[in-house]
C-alpha atoms as a PDB file:
ATOM      1  CA  MET A   1      12.563  32.478 -63.300  1.00  0.00           C
ATOM      2  CA  ILE A   2      13.130  33.084 -67.049  1.00  0.00           C
ATOM      3  CA  ILE A   3      13.170  29.864 -69.055  1.00  0.00           C
ATOM      4  CA  VAL A   4      15.258  30.079 -72.221  1.00  0.00           C
ATOM      5  CA  SER A   5      14.276  27.801 -75.095  1.00  0.00           C
ATOM      6  CA  LYS A   6      16.919  26.920 -77.664  1.00  0.00           C
ATOM      7  CA  GLY A   7      16.409  26.810 -81.405  1.00  0.00           C
ATOM      8  CA  VAL A   8      18.521  25.728 -84.390  1.00  0.00           C
ATOM      9  CA  LEU A   9      17.961  27.178 -87.867  1.00  0.00           C
ATOM     10  CA  ILE A  10      19.777  25.450 -90.749  1.00  0.00           C
ATOM     11  CA  ILE A  11      20.002  27.744 -93.769  1.00  0.00           C
ATOM     12  CA  GLY A  12      20.611  26.651 -97.355  1.00  0.00           C
ATOM     13  CA  TYR A  13      20.801  28.660-100.545  1.00  0.00           C
ATOM     14  CA  GLY A  14      17.749  27.211-102.306  1.00  0.00           C
ATOM     15  CA  THR A  15      17.370  25.285-105.529  1.00  0.00           C
ATOM     16  CA  ARG A  16      15.092  24.881-108.532  1.00  0.00           C
ATOM     17  CA  LYS A  17      16.531  21.510-109.495  1.00  0.00           C
ATOM     18  CA  GLY A  18      18.488  19.363-107.081  1.00  0.00           C
ATOM     19  CA  ASN A  19      18.440  17.531-103.767  1.00  0.00           C
ATOM     20  CA  LEU A  20      19.260  20.346-101.334  1.00  0.00           C
ATOM     21  CA  GLU A  21      15.894  20.054 -99.589  1.00  0.00           C
ATOM     22  CA  GLU A  22      16.436  16.328 -99.010  1.00  0.00           C
ATOM     23  CA  VAL A  23      19.924  17.037 -97.648  1.00  0.00           C
ATOM     24  CA  LEU A  24      18.763  19.674 -95.173  1.00  0.00           C
ATOM     25  CA  ASN A  25      15.761  17.625 -94.048  1.00  0.00           C
ATOM     26  CA  SER A  26      18.073  14.710 -93.378  1.00  0.00           C
ATOM     27  CA  GLN A  27      20.378  16.852 -91.248  1.00  0.00           C
ATOM     28  CA  ALA A  28      17.475  18.439 -89.359  1.00  0.00           C
ATOM     29  CA  ASN A  29      16.038  15.008 -88.540  1.00  0.00           C
ATOM     30  CA  ARG A  30      19.412  13.851 -87.262  1.00  0.00           C
ATOM     31  CA  LEU A  31      19.632  16.895 -84.977  1.00  0.00           C
ATOM     32  CA  ARG A  32      16.175  16.172 -83.595  1.00  0.00           C
ATOM     33  CA  CYS A  33      17.231  12.592 -82.868  1.00  0.00           C
ATOM     34  CA  ARG A  34      20.279  13.998 -81.064  1.00  0.00           C
ATOM     35  CA  GLY A  35      18.011  15.860 -78.666  1.00  0.00           C
ATOM     36  CA  TRP A  36      17.370  19.226 -80.313  1.00  0.00           C
ATOM     37  CA  ASP A  37      13.652  19.922 -79.999  1.00  0.00           C
ATOM     38  CA  ASN A  38      13.372  23.130 -82.012  1.00  0.00           C
ATOM     39  CA  VAL A  39      15.019  22.663 -85.415  1.00  0.00           C
ATOM     40  CA  ALA A  40      13.920  24.506 -88.542  1.00  0.00           C
ATOM     41  CA  ILE A  41      15.155  24.779 -92.133  1.00  0.00           C
ATOM     42  CA  ALA A  42      15.202  27.919 -94.261  1.00  0.00           C
ATOM     43  CA  TYR A  43      16.405  29.010 -97.681  1.00  0.00           C
ATOM     44  CA  PHE A  44      17.939  32.241 -98.886  1.00  0.00           C
ATOM     45  CA  ARG A  45      16.034  32.157-102.163  1.00  0.00           C
ATOM     46  CA  VAL A  46      13.770  30.077-104.430  1.00  0.00           C
ATOM     47  CA  SER A  47      12.874  27.310-101.944  1.00  0.00           C
ATOM     48  CA  LYS A  48      10.495  27.598 -98.996  1.00  0.00           C
ATOM     49  CA  PRO A  49      10.310  28.453 -96.161  1.00  0.00           C
ATOM     50  CA  THR A  50      12.176  31.734 -96.329  1.00  0.00           C
ATOM     51  CA  ILE A  51      14.579  32.730 -93.570  1.00  0.00           C
ATOM     52  CA  GLU A  52      12.036  35.162 -92.148  1.00  0.00           C
ATOM     53  CA  GLU A  53       9.256  32.541 -92.172  1.00  0.00           C
ATOM     54  CA  ALA A  54      11.386  29.887 -90.472  1.00  0.00           C
ATOM     55  CA  LEU A  55      12.583  32.332 -87.814  1.00  0.00           C
ATOM     56  CA  ARG A  56       8.991  33.282 -86.997  1.00  0.00           C
ATOM     57  CA  GLU A  57       8.115  29.581 -86.803  1.00  0.00           C
ATOM     58  CA  LEU A  58      10.850  28.919 -84.237  1.00  0.00           C
ATOM     59  CA  VAL A  59       9.844  31.914 -82.140  1.00  0.00           C
ATOM     60  CA  ALA A  60       6.174  30.905 -82.281  1.00  0.00           C
ATOM     61  CA  LYS A  61       7.206  27.534 -80.836  1.00  0.00           C
ATOM     62  CA  GLY A  62       8.850  29.331 -77.908  1.00  0.00           C
ATOM     63  CA  ALA A  63      12.496  29.524 -78.998  1.00  0.00           C
ATOM     64  CA  ASP A  64      14.196  32.685 -77.767  1.00  0.00           C
ATOM     65  CA  ASP A  65      17.879  31.746 -78.110  1.00  0.00           C
ATOM     66  CA  ILE A  66      18.524  30.693 -81.709  1.00  0.00           C
ATOM     67  CA  VAL A  67      21.615  29.820 -83.712  1.00  0.00           C
ATOM     68  CA  ALA A  68      21.491  30.180 -87.496  1.00  0.00           C
ATOM     69  CA  ILE A  69      23.862  27.716 -89.175  1.00  0.00           C
ATOM     70  CA  PRO A  70      24.591  28.269 -92.882  1.00  0.00           C
ATOM     71  CA  TYR A  71      24.880  24.982 -94.757  1.00  0.00           C
ATOM     72  CA  TYR A  72      27.540  26.472 -97.009  1.00  0.00           C
ATOM     73  CA  ILE A  73      31.042  25.395 -98.030  1.00  0.00           C
ATOM     74  CA  ALA A  74      32.631  28.814 -97.452  1.00  0.00           C
ATOM     75  CA  GLU A  75      31.999  32.269 -96.070  1.00  0.00           C
ATOM     76  CA  GLY A  76      30.942  34.995 -98.481  1.00  0.00           C
ATOM     77  CA  VAL A  77      28.653  37.939 -98.925  1.00  0.00           C
ATOM     78  CA  LEU A  78      25.659  35.689 -98.223  1.00  0.00           C
ATOM     79  CA  THR A  79      26.876  34.452 -94.836  1.00  0.00           C
ATOM     80  CA  LYS A  80      28.540  37.708 -93.826  1.00  0.00           C
ATOM     81  CA  LYS A  81      25.919  40.228 -94.917  1.00  0.00           C
ATOM     82  CA  LEU A  82      22.778  39.099 -96.714  1.00  0.00           C
ATOM     83  CA  ILE A  83      21.657  36.252 -94.441  1.00  0.00           C
ATOM     84  CA  PRO A  84      22.277  38.240 -91.222  1.00  0.00           C
ATOM     85  CA  GLU A  85      20.189  41.055 -92.729  1.00  0.00           C
ATOM     86  CA  LYS A  86      17.298  38.669 -93.352  1.00  0.00           C
ATOM     87  CA  LEU A  87      17.620  37.450 -89.749  1.00  0.00           C
ATOM     88  CA  GLY A  88      17.400  41.031 -88.511  1.00  0.00           C
ATOM     89  CA  ILE A  89      20.950  41.081 -87.144  1.00  0.00           C
ATOM     90  CA  VAL A  90      22.316  44.620 -87.302  1.00  0.00           C
ATOM     91  CA  GLY A  91      26.007  45.276 -86.613  1.00  0.00           C
ATOM     92  CA  GLU A  92      27.214  43.619 -83.418  1.00  0.00           C
ATOM     93  CA  THR A  93      23.719  43.412 -81.924  1.00  0.00           C
ATOM     94  CA  ASN A  94      22.125  39.963 -82.138  1.00  0.00           C
ATOM     95  CA  VAL A  95      18.919  40.778 -80.273  1.00  0.00           C
ATOM     96  CA  VAL A  96      16.165  40.646 -82.872  1.00  0.00           C
ATOM     97  CA  ASN A  97      12.503  41.556 -82.561  1.00  0.00           C
ATOM     98  CA  VAL A  98      10.312  38.882 -84.098  1.00  0.00           C
ATOM     99  CA  ASP A  99       6.567  39.498 -84.053  1.00  0.00           C
ATOM    100  CA  GLY A 100       6.919  41.753 -81.030  1.00  0.00           C
ATOM    101  CA  LYS A 101       9.224  39.446 -79.057  1.00  0.00           C
ATOM    102  CA  ASP A 102      12.919  40.086 -78.466  1.00  0.00           C
ATOM    103  CA  VAL A 103      15.006  36.976 -79.126  1.00  0.00           C
ATOM    104  CA  THR A 104      18.732  36.309 -79.408  1.00  0.00           C
ATOM    105  CA  VAL A 105      19.934  35.145 -82.824  1.00  0.00           C
ATOM    106  CA  HIS A 106      23.521  33.950 -83.288  1.00  0.00           C
ATOM    107  CA  MET A 107      25.055  33.662 -86.757  1.00  0.00           C
ATOM    108  CA  ALA A 108      27.462  30.701 -87.021  1.00  0.00           C
ATOM    109  CA  PRO A 109      30.105  30.465 -89.769  1.00  0.00           C
ATOM    110  CA  ALA A 110      30.077  28.211 -92.827  1.00  0.00           C
ATOM    111  CA  PHE A 111      32.038  24.921 -92.814  1.00  0.00           C
ATOM    112  CA  GLY A 112      35.106  26.705 -94.175  1.00  0.00           C
ATOM    113  CA  VAL A 113      38.533  25.388 -93.197  1.00  0.00           C
ATOM    114  CA  ASP A 114      37.268  22.476 -91.104  1.00  0.00           C
ATOM    115  CA  THR A 115      39.083  19.244 -91.936  1.00  0.00           C
ATOM    116  CA  ALA A 116      35.753  17.414 -92.147  1.00  0.00           C
ATOM    117  CA  LEU A 117      35.512  18.576 -95.754  1.00  0.00           C
ATOM    118  CA  THR A 118      38.928  17.089 -96.523  1.00  0.00           C
ATOM    119  CA  ARG A 119      37.981  13.777 -94.934  1.00  0.00           C
ATOM    120  CA  ILE A 120      34.821  13.657 -97.019  1.00  0.00           C
ATOM    121  CA  ILE A 121      36.894  14.232-100.161  1.00  0.00           C
ATOM    122  CA  LEU A 122      39.274  11.428 -99.178  1.00  0.00           C
ATOM    123  CA  ASP A 123      36.365   9.039 -98.722  1.00  0.00           C
ATOM    124  CA  ARG A 124      34.875  10.063-102.073  1.00  0.00           C
ATOM    125  CA  ILE A 125      38.198   9.123-103.690  1.00  0.00           C
ATOM    126  CA  ALA A 126      38.256   5.755-101.911  1.00  0.00           C
ATOM    127  CA  ASP A 127      34.602   4.970-102.644  1.00  0.00           C
ATOM    128  CA  ILE A 128      35.102   5.440-106.374  1.00  0.00           C
ATOM    129  CA  GLY A 129      38.218   3.261-106.488  1.00  0.00           C
ATOM    130  CA  GLY A 130      40.769   6.042-106.681  1.00  0.00           C
ATOM    131  CA  ASP A 131      44.239   6.121-105.198  1.00  0.00           C
ATOM    132  CA  ARG A 132      47.181   8.483-104.762  1.00  0.00           C
ATOM    133  CA  ASP A 133      48.405   7.860-108.320  1.00  0.00           C
ATOM    134  CA  CYS A 134      45.191   9.212-109.846  1.00  0.00           C
ATOM    135  CA  GLY A 135      44.671  12.737-110.982  1.00  0.00           C
ATOM    136  CA  ILE A 136      42.519  14.412-108.336  1.00  0.00           C
ATOM    137  CA  LEU A 137      40.426  17.400-109.352  1.00  0.00           C
ATOM    138  CA  VAL A 138      38.722  19.318-106.528  1.00  0.00           C
ATOM    139  CA  LEU A 139      35.957  21.396-108.057  1.00  0.00           C
ATOM    140  CA  GLY A 140      34.572  24.633-106.667  1.00  0.00           C
ATOM    141  CA  HIS A 141      31.881  26.972-107.845  1.00  0.00           C
ATOM    142  CA  GLY A 142      34.021  30.098-107.724  1.00  0.00           C
ATOM    143  CA  THR A 143      33.079  33.484-106.296  1.00  0.00           C
ATOM    144  CA  ARG A 144      32.957  37.183-107.082  1.00  0.00           C
ATOM    145  CA  TYR A 145      33.123  38.004-103.349  1.00  0.00           C
ATOM    146  CA  VAL A 146      36.093  40.264-102.646  1.00  0.00           C
ATOM    147  CA  SER A 147      37.756  37.935-100.116  1.00  0.00           C
ATOM    148  CA  LEU A 148      37.637  34.988-102.600  1.00  0.00           C
ATOM    149  CA  THR A 149      36.873  32.692 -99.664  1.00  0.00           C
ATOM    150  CA  ASN A 150      35.356  29.935-101.788  1.00  0.00           C
ATOM    151  CA  MET A 151      38.472  29.894-103.940  1.00  0.00           C
ATOM    152  CA  ARG A 152      40.708  29.674-100.872  1.00  0.00           C
ATOM    153  CA  ILE A 153      38.752  26.779 -99.356  1.00  0.00           C
ATOM    154  CA  VAL A 154      38.854  24.759-102.582  1.00  0.00           C
ATOM    155  CA  LYS A 155      42.576  25.431-103.002  1.00  0.00           C
ATOM    156  CA  LEU A 156      43.235  24.569 -99.332  1.00  0.00           C
ATOM    157  CA  ASN A 157      41.616  21.162 -99.701  1.00  0.00           C
ATOM    158  CA  SER A 158      43.642  20.438-102.832  1.00  0.00           C
ATOM    159  CA  GLU A 159      46.799  21.359-100.924  1.00  0.00           C
ATOM    160  CA  ARG A 160      45.813  19.088 -98.057  1.00  0.00           C
ATOM    161  CA  LEU A 161      45.467  16.190-100.495  1.00  0.00           C
ATOM    162  CA  ALA A 162      48.963  16.910-101.782  1.00  0.00           C
ATOM    163  CA  SER A 163      50.255  16.779 -98.199  1.00  0.00           C
ATOM    164  CA  TYR A 164      48.686  13.293 -97.900  1.00  0.00           C
ATOM    165  CA  GLY A 165      50.712  12.056-100.868  1.00  0.00           C
ATOM    166  CA  TYR A 166      48.352  12.729-103.772  1.00  0.00           C
ATOM    167  CA  LYS A 167      50.956  13.649-106.384  1.00  0.00           C
ATOM    168  CA  HIS A 168      48.464  14.854-108.972  1.00  0.00           C
ATOM    169  CA  ALA A 169      46.011  16.860-106.857  1.00  0.00           C
ATOM    170  CA  THR A 170      44.747  20.104-108.337  1.00  0.00           C
ATOM    171  CA  TYR A 171      41.610  22.257-108.357  1.00  0.00           C
ATOM    172  CA  ALA A 172      39.387  24.225-110.718  1.00  0.00           C
ATOM    173  CA  PHE A 173      36.240  26.338-110.770  1.00  0.00           C
ATOM    174  CA  ASN A 174      32.950  26.293-112.601  1.00  0.00           C
ATOM    175  CA  GLU A 175      32.999  30.085-113.045  1.00  0.00           C
ATOM    176  CA  PHE A 176      34.408  33.404-111.790  1.00  0.00           C
ATOM    177  CA  CYS A 177      37.799  32.051-110.642  1.00  0.00           C
ATOM    178  CA  GLU A 178      40.833  30.346-112.151  1.00  0.00           C
ATOM    179  CA  PRO A 179      42.073  27.819-113.026  1.00  0.00           C
ATOM    180  CA  THR A 180      39.232  26.774-115.274  1.00  0.00           C
ATOM    181  CA  ILE A 181      38.193  23.148-115.595  1.00  0.00           C
ATOM    182  CA  LYS A 182      39.700  23.037-119.083  1.00  0.00           C
ATOM    183  CA  ASP A 183      43.028  24.325-117.742  1.00  0.00           C
ATOM    184  CA  ALA A 184      43.052  21.776-114.919  1.00  0.00           C
ATOM    185  CA  LEU A 185      42.329  18.879-117.287  1.00  0.00           C
ATOM    186  CA  ASP A 186      45.143  20.047-119.540  1.00  0.00           C
ATOM    187  CA  HIS A 187      47.480  20.180-116.533  1.00  0.00           C
ATOM    188  CA  LEU A 188      46.570  16.656-115.386  1.00  0.00           C
ATOM    189  CA  GLU A 189      46.938  15.215-118.888  1.00  0.00           C
ATOM    190  CA  LYS A 190      50.439  16.671-119.139  1.00  0.00           C
ATOM    191  CA  GLU A 191      51.283  14.971-115.834  1.00  0.00           C
ATOM    192  CA  GLY A 192      50.485  11.668-117.521  1.00  0.00           C
ATOM    193  CA  VAL A 193      47.558  10.515-115.381  1.00  0.00           C
ATOM    194  CA  LYS A 194      45.418   7.689-116.705  1.00  0.00           C
ATOM    195  CA  LYS A 195      42.461   8.310-114.398  1.00  0.00           C
ATOM    196  CA  ILE A 196      40.975  11.475-112.918  1.00  0.00           C
ATOM    197  CA  VAL A 197      38.724  11.573-109.876  1.00  0.00           C
ATOM    198  CA  ALA A 198      36.698  14.789-109.979  1.00  0.00           C
ATOM    199  CA  ILE A 199      35.186  15.743-106.628  1.00  0.00           C
ATOM    200  CA  PRO A 200      32.743  18.670-106.486  1.00  0.00           C
ATOM    201  CA  LEU A 201      33.230  20.574-103.232  1.00  0.00           C
ATOM    202  CA  PHE A 202      29.586  21.625-103.366  1.00  0.00           C
ATOM    203  CA  ILE A 203      26.753  21.148-100.896  1.00  0.00           C
ATOM    204  CA  ALA A 204      24.241  19.288-103.052  1.00  0.00           C
ATOM    205  CA  MET A 205      23.291  18.247-106.568  1.00  0.00           C
ATOM    206  CA  GLY A 206      21.812  20.843-108.898  1.00  0.00           C
ATOM    207  CA  LEU A 207      22.203  22.450-112.301  1.00  0.00           C
ATOM    208  CA  HIS A 208      25.863  23.357-111.737  1.00  0.00           C
ATOM    209  CA  LEU A 209      26.831  19.782-110.895  1.00  0.00           C
ATOM    210  CA  GLY A 210      24.368  18.001-113.157  1.00  0.00           C
ATOM    211  CA  ASP A 211      24.727  20.013-116.353  1.00  0.00           C
ATOM    212  CA  GLU A 212      27.380  22.753-116.349  1.00  0.00           C
ATOM    213  CA  ILE A 213      30.403  20.966-114.878  1.00  0.00           C
ATOM    214  CA  PRO A 214      29.906  17.667-116.753  1.00  0.00           C
ATOM    215  CA  GLU A 215      29.693  19.663-120.003  1.00  0.00           C
ATOM    216  CA  GLN A 216      33.008  21.359-119.229  1.00  0.00           C
ATOM    217  CA  ILE A 217      34.646  18.049-118.304  1.00  0.00           C
ATOM    218  CA  GLY A 218      33.217  16.283-121.351  1.00  0.00           C
ATOM    219  CA  ILE A 219      31.132  13.625-119.607  1.00  0.00           C
ATOM    220  CA  PRO A 220      27.346  13.019-119.857  1.00  0.00           C
ATOM    221  CA  SER A 221      25.030  15.176-117.767  1.00  0.00           C
ATOM    222  CA  TYR A 222      24.044  13.714-114.384  1.00  0.00           C
ATOM    223  CA  SER A 223      26.537  10.882-114.790  1.00  0.00           C
ATOM    224  CA  SER A 224      29.279   9.370-112.648  1.00  0.00           C
ATOM    225  CA  GLY A 225      31.889   9.963-115.329  1.00  0.00           C
ATOM    226  CA  GLY A 226      33.177   8.515-118.564  1.00  0.00           C
ATOM    227  CA  LYS A 227      36.081   8.615-120.988  1.00  0.00           C
ATOM    228  CA  ILE A 228      37.280  11.973-122.264  1.00  0.00           C
ATOM    229  CA  THR A 229      39.984  13.004-124.712  1.00  0.00           C
ATOM    230  CA  VAL A 230      42.480  15.636-123.604  1.00  0.00           C
ATOM    231  CA  ASN A 231      45.262  16.735-125.962  1.00  0.00           C
ATOM    232  CA  GLY A 232      44.543  13.669-128.085  1.00  0.00           C
ATOM    233  CA  ARG A 233      44.843  11.202-125.180  1.00  0.00           C
ATOM    234  CA  GLU A 234      41.954   9.233-123.670  1.00  0.00           C
ATOM    235  CA  ILE A 235      41.503   9.509-119.891  1.00  0.00           C
ATOM    236  CA  GLN A 236      38.918   7.910-117.604  1.00  0.00           C
ATOM    237  CA  VAL A 237      37.057  10.399-115.411  1.00  0.00           C
ATOM    238  CA  CYS A 238      35.204   9.364-112.258  1.00  0.00           C
ATOM    239  CA  TYR A 239      32.797  12.055-111.089  1.00  0.00           C
ATOM    240  CA  THR A 240      31.731  11.824-107.449  1.00  0.00           C
ATOM    241  CA  ARG A 241      28.816  13.090-105.411  1.00  0.00           C
ATOM    242  CA  PRO A 242      29.099  16.406-103.517  1.00  0.00           C
ATOM    243  CA  VAL A 243      29.282  16.516 -99.700  1.00  0.00           C
ATOM    244  CA  GLU A 244      25.461  16.336 -99.285  1.00  0.00           C
ATOM    245  CA  ASP A 245      24.311  15.061 -95.865  1.00  0.00           C
ATOM    246  CA  ASP A 246      27.546  13.402 -94.787  1.00  0.00           C
ATOM    247  CA  VAL A 247      27.352  12.569 -91.088  1.00  0.00           C
ATOM    248  CA  ARG A 248      30.560  14.507 -90.392  1.00  0.00           C
ATOM    249  CA  LEU A 249      28.638  17.632 -91.333  1.00  0.00           C
ATOM    250  CA  THR A 250      25.912  16.562 -88.904  1.00  0.00           C
ATOM    251  CA  ASP A 251      28.593  16.447 -86.234  1.00  0.00           C
ATOM    252  CA  LEU A 252      29.755  19.931 -87.229  1.00  0.00           C
ATOM    253  CA  ILE A 253      26.345  21.571 -87.067  1.00  0.00           C
ATOM    254  CA  ASP A 254      25.607  19.774 -83.795  1.00  0.00           C
ATOM    255  CA  GLN A 255      28.907  21.071 -82.416  1.00  0.00           C
ATOM    256  CA  LYS A 256      28.197  24.619 -83.627  1.00  0.00           C
ATOM    257  CA  ALA A 257      24.753  24.551 -82.023  1.00  0.00           C
ATOM    258  CA  ARG A 258      26.206  23.458 -78.676  1.00  0.00           C
ATOM    259  CA  GLU A 259      28.936  26.089 -78.832  1.00  0.00           C
ATOM    260  CA  TYR A 260      26.547  28.952 -79.475  1.00  0.00           C
ATOM    261  CA  LEU A 261      23.679  27.793 -77.276  1.00  0.00           C
ATOM    262  CA  GLY A 262      25.702  26.445 -74.355  1.00  0.00           C
ATOM    263  CA  GLU A 263      24.324  22.921 -74.449  1.00  0.00           C
END
């Protein structure tokens, strides 16, 4: 009888300055406590272990049916092309040879359109003392990927907030896409808001969230906000944490693992 051993590989982008490693370690530990024996973490770049190293580690431990779960907000060239290439997935074939052993590697999608992201945003608003009269600014990184998936996900979550009664919900991007943060702040000021809750729809803290976006908003680096002046009017900005290791994302990756591995 052939015994199949399951494995879960959580993949992040990598970081030189931030808490991504803490976030992924937290999620991996939660999966282990939920009964997954073979859980590994990998990074596309900068951080260690690499995707190839982590895959070999899982196979060395006996895993031969593995699901790779990208810890990413949206699909893009990384999740569609570059990460599968590093996993050895070619075309529609997901049988990969790792150190002389054929194993099955499934590539799961990013979090994408799942409403868990919207619920996290809603809780970030509540936790910082916001309400439906505040200006709500959903922040994305932006993308050069042809499908503009990151842009669509950020916009979708802003639209969902509007459907929940947030009259001043809008969105903006750090780079590559429009509207810019400056444009969004101008728009919210003209709507007469007295307070803006800015929620970064990002995975973890890092240079983008700590330095670049605060500079564009006009608040101190690595802060939770402050007072800014837009079109000559002073507005209070509350700057929240990104999604990080929210337990709803634990539920999502657990669910994805069970779907792909038949648990």
